[in-house]
Amino acid sequence: MAVASLVLGIIATLIGLFSAGALGWVGGIIGIIGIILGAVGKKNSPEKSGMATAGLVLSIIGTVLSLILYIACVACLGAAGTALQQ
């Protein structure tokens, strides 16, 4: 589970950085699953605790980054739509 958490954390972080907010909700969901797997992996396998911690940290960063950029993208589109109506 530690390896899965690490992989999902990397994917969530990459989606957050490179999707420009359009797929932020996907990165958020992947990051939440990575957080859960990282917590379970840290508890169940003490020999892979370092990898589980890295996956947990990357998943948290990826989730926050993806969701913040997604919200910013939606707000920007809403502001642009309002400006076009005036």
N, C-alpha and C. Protein backbone atom coordinates (compact mmCIF):
# COMPACT_ATOMS: atom_id res chain seq x y z
N MET A 1 0.81 -1.19 0.00
CA MET A 1 0.00 0.00 0.00
C MET A 1 0.85 1.26 0.00
N ALA A 2 2.05 1.14 0.50
CA ALA A 2 2.94 2.30 0.52
C ALA A 2 3.34 2.71 -0.90
N VAL A 3 3.59 1.72 -1.74
CA VAL A 3 3.97 2.00 -3.12
C VAL A 3 2.79 2.63 -3.88
N ALA A 4 1.59 2.11 -3.65
CA ALA A 4 0.40 2.66 -4.30
C ALA A 4 0.17 4.10 -3.86
N SER A 5 0.37 4.37 -2.59
CA SER A 5 0.22 5.73 -2.08
C SER A 5 1.23 6.67 -2.72
N LEU A 6 2.45 6.21 -2.86
CA LEU A 6 3.49 7.03 -3.48
C LEU A 6 3.17 7.31 -4.95
N VAL A 7 2.73 6.30 -5.67
CA VAL A 7 2.38 6.47 -7.08
C VAL A 7 1.19 7.43 -7.22
N LEU A 8 0.16 7.25 -6.41
CA LEU A 8 -1.00 8.12 -6.48
C LEU A 8 -0.66 9.55 -6.07
N GLY A 9 0.25 9.70 -5.11
CA GLY A 9 0.68 11.04 -4.72
C GLY A 9 1.43 11.75 -5.83
N ILE A 10 2.27 11.01 -6.54
CA ILE A 10 3.00 11.59 -7.68
C ILE A 10 2.03 11.99 -8.78
N ILE A 11 1.07 11.12 -9.08
CA ILE A 11 0.10 11.42 -10.12
C ILE A 11 -0.75 12.63 -9.74
N ALA A 12 -1.21 12.70 -8.49
CA ALA A 12 -2.02 13.84 -8.05
C ALA A 12 -1.23 15.14 -8.11
N THR A 13 0.03 15.10 -7.75
CA THR A 13 0.87 16.30 -7.81
C THR A 13 1.09 16.73 -9.25
N LEU A 14 1.35 15.79 -10.14
CA LEU A 14 1.54 16.12 -11.55
C LEU A 14 0.26 16.68 -12.17
N ILE A 15 -0.88 16.12 -11.83
CA ILE A 15 -2.14 16.66 -12.33
C ILE A 15 -2.35 18.07 -11.80
N GLY A 16 -2.03 18.29 -10.54
CA GLY A 16 -2.18 19.62 -9.97
C GLY A 16 -1.27 20.64 -10.62
N LEU A 17 -0.08 20.23 -10.99
CA LEU A 17 0.87 21.17 -11.58
C LEU A 17 0.63 21.44 -13.06
N PHE A 18 0.24 20.42 -13.81
CA PHE A 18 0.23 20.55 -15.26
C PHE A 18 -1.14 20.58 -15.91
N SER A 19 -2.21 20.40 -15.16
CA SER A 19 -3.52 20.38 -15.82
C SER A 19 -4.15 21.76 -15.88
N ALA A 20 -3.54 22.75 -15.28
CA ALA A 20 -4.03 24.13 -15.26
C ALA A 20 -5.42 24.23 -14.66
N GLY A 21 -5.75 23.36 -13.74
CA GLY A 21 -7.01 23.45 -13.03
C GLY A 21 -8.16 22.71 -13.67
N ALA A 22 -8.06 22.34 -14.94
CA ALA A 22 -9.19 21.73 -15.63
C ALA A 22 -9.50 20.32 -15.10
N LEU A 23 -8.51 19.58 -14.72
CA LEU A 23 -8.71 18.24 -14.18
C LEU A 23 -8.40 18.18 -12.69
N GLY A 24 -8.57 19.28 -12.01
CA GLY A 24 -8.23 19.34 -10.59
C GLY A 24 -9.04 18.40 -9.73
N TRP A 25 -10.29 18.19 -10.09
CA TRP A 25 -11.12 17.28 -9.30
C TRP A 25 -10.61 15.85 -9.40
N VAL A 26 -10.03 15.46 -10.55
CA VAL A 26 -9.46 14.13 -10.69
C VAL A 26 -8.23 14.00 -9.79
N GLY A 27 -7.39 15.02 -9.79
CA GLY A 27 -6.23 15.02 -8.90
C GLY A 27 -6.62 14.99 -7.43
N GLY A 28 -7.71 15.67 -7.09
CA GLY A 28 -8.20 15.65 -5.71
C GLY A 28 -8.66 14.27 -5.28
N ILE A 29 -9.38 13.58 -6.15
CA ILE A 29 -9.87 12.24 -5.83
C ILE A 29 -8.70 11.26 -5.72
N ILE A 30 -7.77 11.33 -6.66
CA ILE A 30 -6.60 10.46 -6.62
C ILE A 30 -5.78 10.74 -5.36
N GLY A 31 -5.65 12.02 -5.01
CA GLY A 31 -4.90 12.38 -3.81
C GLY A 31 -5.54 11.86 -2.53
N ILE A 32 -6.87 11.92 -2.45
CA ILE A 32 -7.57 11.43 -1.27
C ILE A 32 -7.38 9.91 -1.13
N ILE A 33 -7.45 9.21 -2.24
CA ILE A 33 -7.21 7.75 -2.19
C ILE A 33 -5.77 7.49 -1.76
N GLY A 34 -4.82 8.30 -2.25
CA GLY A 34 -3.42 8.15 -1.84
C GLY A 34 -3.22 8.42 -0.36
N ILE A 35 -3.95 9.41 0.18
CA ILE A 35 -3.85 9.69 1.62
C ILE A 35 -4.33 8.50 2.43
N ILE A 36 -5.44 7.92 2.03
CA ILE A 36 -5.97 6.76 2.76
C ILE A 36 -5.00 5.58 2.68
N LEU A 37 -4.49 5.31 1.50
CA LEU A 37 -3.56 4.19 1.36
C LEU A 37 -2.25 4.45 2.11
N GLY A 38 -1.80 5.70 2.15
CA GLY A 38 -0.58 6.03 2.89
C GLY A 38 -0.75 5.83 4.38
N ALA A 39 -1.90 6.21 4.91
CA ALA A 39 -2.15 6.04 6.34
C ALA A 39 -2.26 4.56 6.70
N VAL A 40 -2.94 3.79 5.86
CA VAL A 40 -3.07 2.35 6.13
C VAL A 40 -1.72 1.66 5.95
N GLY A 41 -0.96 2.05 4.94
CA GLY A 41 0.35 1.45 4.71
C GLY A 41 1.34 1.77 5.82
N LYS A 42 1.21 2.96 6.39
CA LYS A 42 2.11 3.34 7.48
C LYS A 42 1.79 2.54 8.75
N LYS A 43 0.52 2.22 8.92
CA LYS A 43 0.12 1.48 10.11
C LYS A 43 0.40 -0.01 9.99
N ASN A 44 0.23 -0.57 8.79
CA ASN A 44 0.33 -2.02 8.62
C ASN A 44 1.74 -2.53 8.37
N SER A 45 2.58 -1.77 7.71
CA SER A 45 3.92 -2.27 7.39
C SER A 45 4.99 -1.30 7.89
N PRO A 46 5.54 -1.58 9.06
CA PRO A 46 6.57 -0.68 9.60
C PRO A 46 7.86 -0.67 8.78
N GLU A 47 8.13 -1.71 8.00
CA GLU A 47 9.36 -1.72 7.21
C GLU A 47 9.28 -0.79 6.00
N LYS A 48 8.08 -0.42 5.59
CA LYS A 48 7.91 0.51 4.47
C LYS A 48 7.33 1.83 4.96
N SER A 49 7.63 2.17 6.19
CA SER A 49 7.07 3.39 6.78
C SER A 49 7.56 4.65 6.07
N GLY A 50 8.81 4.66 5.63
CA GLY A 50 9.35 5.83 4.94
C GLY A 50 8.67 6.07 3.60
N MET A 51 8.42 5.01 2.86
CA MET A 51 7.76 5.14 1.58
C MET A 51 6.30 5.55 1.77
N ALA A 52 5.66 5.02 2.81
CA ALA A 52 4.29 5.40 3.11
C ALA A 52 4.21 6.87 3.51
N THR A 53 5.19 7.35 4.26
CA THR A 53 5.22 8.76 4.65
C THR A 53 5.40 9.65 3.43
N ALA A 54 6.28 9.25 2.53
CA ALA A 54 6.49 10.03 1.30
C ALA A 54 5.22 10.06 0.46
N GLY A 55 4.54 8.93 0.36
CA GLY A 55 3.28 8.87 -0.36
C GLY A 55 2.20 9.72 0.28
N LEU A 56 2.18 9.71 1.60
CA LEU A 56 1.21 10.52 2.35
C LEU A 56 1.46 12.00 2.12
N VAL A 57 2.70 12.42 2.19
CA VAL A 57 3.04 13.83 1.99
C VAL A 57 2.74 14.27 0.56
N LEU A 58 3.13 13.47 -0.42
CA LEU A 58 2.86 13.81 -1.82
C LEU A 58 1.36 13.83 -2.11
N SER A 59 0.62 12.91 -1.50
CA SER A 59 -0.82 12.88 -1.71
C SER A 59 -1.50 14.11 -1.13
N ILE A 60 -1.05 14.54 0.04
CA ILE A 60 -1.61 15.75 0.65
C ILE A 60 -1.30 16.97 -0.21
N ILE A 61 -0.04 17.08 -0.65
CA ILE A 61 0.34 18.21 -1.50
C ILE A 61 -0.44 18.19 -2.81
N GLY A 62 -0.55 17.02 -3.42
CA GLY A 62 -1.28 16.89 -4.68
C GLY A 62 -2.75 17.22 -4.54
N THR A 63 -3.37 16.78 -3.44
CA THR A 63 -4.79 17.07 -3.21
C THR A 63 -5.02 18.55 -3.04
N VAL A 64 -4.24 19.17 -2.18
CA VAL A 64 -4.41 20.61 -1.92
C VAL A 64 -4.14 21.42 -3.18
N LEU A 65 -3.07 21.10 -3.86
CA LEU A 65 -2.70 21.84 -5.07
C LEU A 65 -3.77 21.68 -6.16
N SER A 66 -4.22 20.46 -6.37
CA SER A 66 -5.23 20.22 -7.40
C SER A 66 -6.53 20.95 -7.11
N LEU A 67 -6.98 20.86 -5.87
CA LEU A 67 -8.27 21.47 -5.54
C LEU A 67 -8.19 22.99 -5.52
N ILE A 68 -7.10 23.55 -5.05
CA ILE A 68 -6.96 25.02 -5.05
C ILE A 68 -6.91 25.55 -6.48
N LEU A 69 -6.14 24.90 -7.34
CA LEU A 69 -6.07 25.36 -8.72
C LEU A 69 -7.37 25.13 -9.47
N TYR A 70 -8.11 24.08 -9.13
CA TYR A 70 -9.41 23.85 -9.75
C TYR A 70 -10.40 24.94 -9.34
N ILE A 71 -10.42 25.29 -8.07
CA ILE A 71 -11.30 26.36 -7.60
C ILE A 71 -10.91 27.69 -8.23
N ALA A 72 -9.62 27.95 -8.36
CA ALA A 72 -9.17 29.19 -9.00
C ALA A 72 -9.58 29.22 -10.47
N CYS A 73 -9.52 28.09 -11.15
CA CYS A 73 -9.90 28.02 -12.56
C CYS A 73 -11.40 28.28 -12.72
N VAL A 74 -12.20 27.70 -11.86
CA VAL A 74 -13.65 27.92 -11.92
C VAL A 74 -13.98 29.38 -11.62
N ALA A 75 -13.30 29.96 -10.63
CA ALA A 75 -13.54 31.37 -10.30
C ALA A 75 -13.13 32.29 -11.44
N CYS A 76 -12.04 31.96 -12.10
CA CYS A 76 -11.58 32.77 -13.24
C CYS A 76 -12.57 32.70 -14.40
N LEU A 77 -13.07 31.52 -14.68
CA LEU A 77 -14.05 31.36 -15.75
C LEU A 77 -15.36 32.09 -15.41
N GLY A 78 -15.75 32.05 -14.14
CA GLY A 78 -16.95 32.77 -13.73
C GLY A 78 -16.77 34.27 -13.87
N ALA A 79 -15.61 34.76 -13.50
CA ALA A 79 -15.35 36.21 -13.63
C ALA A 79 -15.30 36.62 -15.09
N ALA A 80 -14.72 35.77 -15.93
CA ALA A 80 -14.66 36.09 -17.36
C ALA A 80 -16.06 36.09 -17.98
N GLY A 81 -16.88 35.15 -17.55
CA GLY A 81 -18.25 35.11 -18.05
C GLY A 81 -19.06 36.31 -17.62
N THR A 82 -18.85 36.77 -16.41
CA THR A 82 -19.54 37.96 -15.92
C THR A 82 -19.06 39.21 -16.65
N ALA A 83 -17.77 39.29 -16.93
CA ALA A 83 -17.23 40.46 -17.63
C ALA A 83 -17.72 40.53 -19.07
N LEU A 84 -17.97 39.38 -19.68
CA LEU A 84 -18.45 39.38 -21.06
C LEU A 84 -19.90 39.81 -21.16
N GLN A 85 -20.67 39.63 -20.10
CA GLN A 85 -22.08 40.01 -20.12
C GLN A 85 -22.27 41.52 -20.01
N GLN A 86 -21.32 42.23 -19.50
CA GLN A 86 -21.49 43.67 -19.29
C GLN A 86 -21.13 44.46 -20.47
